[in-house]
Amino acid sequence: MGLYAVITADIIQSRKQVLPFERIEQTLASFAGEHLVKSFALSRGDEIQGVVSDLSVIVSLVRRLRYVMWPLALGWG
């Protein structure tokens, strides 16, 4: 069994955002990669989570996710 990492992002001030959550979910659904064990998805309403199998791609995935989710501000964990 390999090593996995969960990438978690919180949408900052999600109640004040103008983007509808349906659009966010569509964007996340199109965000795919061979290293994703579990695709990025909304959970708890304003939290984005995904699971990766290759730790070396975490930085590039976070940068790409920040880009596709702009103008939303994201807090990371």
N, C-alpha and C. Protein backbone atom coordinates (compact mmCIF):
# COMPACT_ATOMS: atom_id res chain seq x y z
N MET A 1 0.85 -1.18 0.00
CA MET A 1 0.00 0.00 0.00
C MET A 1 0.88 1.23 0.00
N GLY A 2 0.54 2.19 -0.84
CA GLY A 2 1.35 3.39 -0.98
C GLY A 2 1.00 4.46 0.01
N LEU A 3 1.68 5.57 -0.14
CA LEU A 3 1.47 6.73 0.71
C LEU A 3 0.51 7.68 0.00
N TYR A 4 -0.48 8.17 0.73
CA TYR A 4 -1.48 9.07 0.18
C TYR A 4 -1.53 10.36 0.99
N ALA A 5 -2.03 11.41 0.36
CA ALA A 5 -2.21 12.69 1.06
C ALA A 5 -3.58 13.25 0.71
N VAL A 6 -4.21 13.85 1.70
CA VAL A 6 -5.47 14.53 1.50
C VAL A 6 -5.18 16.02 1.40
N ILE A 7 -5.64 16.63 0.32
CA ILE A 7 -5.49 18.07 0.14
C ILE A 7 -6.84 18.69 0.48
N THR A 8 -6.82 19.63 1.40
CA THR A 8 -8.05 20.27 1.85
C THR A 8 -7.92 21.78 1.69
N ALA A 9 -8.95 22.37 1.09
CA ALA A 9 -9.01 23.83 0.94
C ALA A 9 -10.37 24.30 1.42
N ASP A 10 -10.35 25.41 2.12
CA ASP A 10 -11.59 26.02 2.61
C ASP A 10 -11.82 27.29 1.81
N ILE A 11 -13.05 27.47 1.32
CA ILE A 11 -13.40 28.69 0.60
C ILE A 11 -13.59 29.80 1.64
N ILE A 12 -12.71 30.78 1.60
CA ILE A 12 -12.74 31.86 2.58
C ILE A 12 -13.94 32.75 2.32
N GLN A 13 -14.68 33.05 3.38
CA GLN A 13 -15.89 33.87 3.32
C GLN A 13 -16.84 33.33 2.26
N SER A 14 -17.11 32.04 2.32
CA SER A 14 -17.92 31.38 1.30
C SER A 14 -19.33 31.95 1.17
N ARG A 15 -19.88 32.45 2.24
CA ARG A 15 -21.24 33.00 2.17
C ARG A 15 -21.30 34.32 1.42
N LYS A 16 -20.16 34.97 1.26
CA LYS A 16 -20.12 36.25 0.55
C LYS A 16 -19.72 36.09 -0.91
N GLN A 17 -19.46 34.86 -1.35
CA GLN A 17 -19.00 34.64 -2.72
C GLN A 17 -20.15 34.78 -3.71
N VAL A 18 -19.81 35.26 -4.90
CA VAL A 18 -20.82 35.45 -5.94
C VAL A 18 -20.93 34.25 -6.87
N LEU A 19 -19.94 33.36 -6.88
CA LEU A 19 -20.00 32.19 -7.74
C LEU A 19 -20.95 31.15 -7.15
N PRO A 20 -21.89 30.66 -7.95
CA PRO A 20 -22.79 29.64 -7.44
C PRO A 20 -22.04 28.31 -7.21
N PHE A 21 -22.46 27.59 -6.19
CA PHE A 21 -21.78 26.35 -5.86
C PHE A 21 -21.91 25.31 -6.98
N GLU A 22 -22.94 25.41 -7.82
CA GLU A 22 -23.05 24.50 -8.95
C GLU A 22 -21.88 24.69 -9.92
N ARG A 23 -21.50 25.94 -10.12
CA ARG A 23 -20.36 26.22 -11.00
C ARG A 23 -19.06 25.72 -10.38
N ILE A 24 -18.92 25.86 -9.09
CA ILE A 24 -17.73 25.35 -8.40
C ILE A 24 -17.65 23.84 -8.57
N GLU A 25 -18.77 23.14 -8.39
CA GLU A 25 -18.79 21.69 -8.53
C GLU A 25 -18.45 21.27 -9.96
N GLN A 26 -18.94 22.01 -10.96
CA GLN A 26 -18.62 21.70 -12.35
C GLN A 26 -17.13 21.89 -12.61
N THR A 27 -16.56 22.95 -12.07
CA THR A 27 -15.13 23.20 -12.24
C THR A 27 -14.32 22.08 -11.60
N LEU A 28 -14.70 21.67 -10.41
CA LEU A 28 -13.98 20.60 -9.74
C LEU A 28 -14.12 19.27 -10.48
N ALA A 29 -15.28 19.03 -11.07
CA ALA A 29 -15.50 17.78 -11.81
C ALA A 29 -14.59 17.69 -13.03
N SER A 30 -14.28 18.84 -13.63
CA SER A 30 -13.41 18.84 -14.80
C SER A 30 -11.93 18.82 -14.41
N PHE A 31 -11.64 18.95 -13.14
CA PHE A 31 -10.28 18.98 -12.64
C PHE A 31 -9.85 17.55 -12.34
N ALA A 32 -9.15 16.95 -13.27
CA ALA A 32 -8.78 15.55 -13.11
C ALA A 32 -7.28 15.39 -13.30
N GLY A 33 -6.78 14.29 -12.83
CA GLY A 33 -5.36 14.00 -12.99
C GLY A 33 -5.10 12.55 -12.64
N GLU A 34 -4.05 12.03 -13.22
CA GLU A 34 -3.75 10.62 -13.00
C GLU A 34 -3.33 10.32 -11.56
N HIS A 35 -2.92 11.33 -10.83
CA HIS A 35 -2.45 11.10 -9.46
C HIS A 35 -3.56 11.26 -8.42
N LEU A 36 -4.75 11.61 -8.87
CA LEU A 36 -5.87 11.77 -7.93
C LEU A 36 -6.50 10.41 -7.66
N VAL A 37 -6.47 9.99 -6.42
CA VAL A 37 -7.14 8.75 -6.01
C VAL A 37 -8.62 9.03 -5.83
N LYS A 38 -8.92 10.19 -5.27
CA LYS A 38 -10.30 10.68 -5.14
C LYS A 38 -10.32 12.10 -5.67
N SER A 39 -11.15 12.33 -6.67
CA SER A 39 -11.22 13.65 -7.31
C SER A 39 -11.62 14.73 -6.31
N PHE A 40 -11.23 15.94 -6.60
CA PHE A 40 -11.62 17.07 -5.76
C PHE A 40 -13.14 17.22 -5.78
N ALA A 41 -13.70 17.45 -4.62
CA ALA A 41 -15.15 17.62 -4.50
C ALA A 41 -15.44 18.52 -3.31
N LEU A 42 -16.63 19.13 -3.35
CA LEU A 42 -17.08 19.96 -2.22
C LEU A 42 -17.57 19.06 -1.10
N SER A 43 -17.20 19.40 0.10
CA SER A 43 -17.74 18.72 1.27
C SER A 43 -18.03 19.79 2.32
N ARG A 44 -19.00 19.53 3.14
CA ARG A 44 -19.40 20.48 4.19
C ARG A 44 -19.78 21.84 3.63
N GLY A 45 -20.12 21.91 2.34
CA GLY A 45 -20.60 23.15 1.76
C GLY A 45 -19.55 24.10 1.26
N ASP A 46 -18.45 24.26 1.98
CA ASP A 46 -17.44 25.23 1.55
C ASP A 46 -16.02 24.69 1.67
N GLU A 47 -15.89 23.39 1.69
CA GLU A 47 -14.58 22.77 1.82
C GLU A 47 -14.33 21.90 0.60
N ILE A 48 -13.14 21.99 0.04
CA ILE A 48 -12.77 21.20 -1.13
C ILE A 48 -11.74 20.18 -0.67
N GLN A 49 -11.97 18.92 -1.04
CA GLN A 49 -11.02 17.87 -0.66
C GLN A 49 -10.75 16.95 -1.83
N GLY A 50 -9.52 16.46 -1.88
CA GLY A 50 -9.11 15.47 -2.86
C GLY A 50 -7.99 14.64 -2.27
N VAL A 51 -7.79 13.43 -2.81
CA VAL A 51 -6.75 12.53 -2.31
C VAL A 51 -5.78 12.23 -3.45
N VAL A 52 -4.48 12.38 -3.17
CA VAL A 52 -3.45 12.11 -4.17
C VAL A 52 -2.58 10.94 -3.75
N SER A 53 -2.05 10.25 -4.77
CA SER A 53 -1.19 9.10 -4.51
C SER A 53 0.29 9.41 -4.72
N ASP A 54 0.59 10.55 -5.31
CA ASP A 54 1.97 10.94 -5.57
C ASP A 54 2.23 12.28 -4.89
N LEU A 55 2.98 12.24 -3.80
CA LEU A 55 3.20 13.45 -3.02
C LEU A 55 3.99 14.51 -3.78
N SER A 56 4.72 14.12 -4.80
CA SER A 56 5.53 15.08 -5.55
C SER A 56 4.68 16.03 -6.40
N VAL A 57 3.40 15.73 -6.59
CA VAL A 57 2.55 16.59 -7.41
C VAL A 57 1.67 17.53 -6.60
N ILE A 58 1.79 17.49 -5.28
CA ILE A 58 0.91 18.29 -4.44
C ILE A 58 1.02 19.78 -4.75
N VAL A 59 2.22 20.30 -4.85
CA VAL A 59 2.40 21.73 -5.09
C VAL A 59 1.78 22.13 -6.42
N SER A 60 2.01 21.36 -7.46
CA SER A 60 1.45 21.71 -8.77
C SER A 60 -0.08 21.59 -8.77
N LEU A 61 -0.63 20.62 -8.06
CA LEU A 61 -2.08 20.49 -7.97
C LEU A 61 -2.70 21.67 -7.22
N VAL A 62 -2.07 22.08 -6.14
CA VAL A 62 -2.56 23.22 -5.37
C VAL A 62 -2.52 24.49 -6.22
N ARG A 63 -1.44 24.69 -6.94
CA ARG A 63 -1.33 25.87 -7.80
C ARG A 63 -2.41 25.86 -8.88
N ARG A 64 -2.61 24.69 -9.48
CA ARG A 64 -3.63 24.57 -10.54
C ARG A 64 -5.03 24.77 -9.98
N LEU A 65 -5.28 24.22 -8.81
CA LEU A 65 -6.59 24.39 -8.19
C LEU A 65 -6.84 25.85 -7.84
N ARG A 66 -5.83 26.53 -7.32
CA ARG A 66 -5.97 27.97 -7.05
C ARG A 66 -6.31 28.73 -8.32
N TYR A 67 -5.68 28.35 -9.43
CA TYR A 67 -5.91 29.02 -10.70
C TYR A 67 -7.34 28.80 -11.20
N VAL A 68 -7.81 27.56 -11.19
CA VAL A 68 -9.14 27.27 -11.73
C VAL A 68 -10.25 27.77 -10.82
N MET A 69 -9.97 27.96 -9.54
CA MET A 69 -11.00 28.43 -8.60
C MET A 69 -11.01 29.95 -8.45
N TRP A 70 -10.06 30.66 -9.07
CA TRP A 70 -10.04 32.11 -8.99
C TRP A 70 -11.36 32.66 -9.51
N PRO A 71 -11.98 33.61 -8.89
CA PRO A 71 -11.51 34.59 -7.92
C PRO A 71 -11.74 34.19 -6.45
N LEU A 72 -12.12 32.94 -6.22
CA LEU A 72 -12.33 32.52 -4.82
C LEU A 72 -11.02 32.48 -4.08
N ALA A 73 -11.01 32.93 -2.84
CA ALA A 73 -9.84 32.83 -1.99
C ALA A 73 -9.94 31.51 -1.23
N LEU A 74 -8.86 30.76 -1.20
CA LEU A 74 -8.84 29.45 -0.56
C LEU A 74 -7.82 29.42 0.57
N GLY A 75 -8.22 28.81 1.68
CA GLY A 75 -7.30 28.53 2.78
C GLY A 75 -6.93 27.06 2.69
N TRP A 76 -5.68 26.71 2.91
CA TRP A 76 -5.19 25.35 2.67
C TRP A 76 -4.83 24.61 3.93
N GLY A 77 -4.96 23.29 3.86
CA GLY A 77 -4.56 22.42 4.97
C GLY A 77 -4.04 21.12 4.46
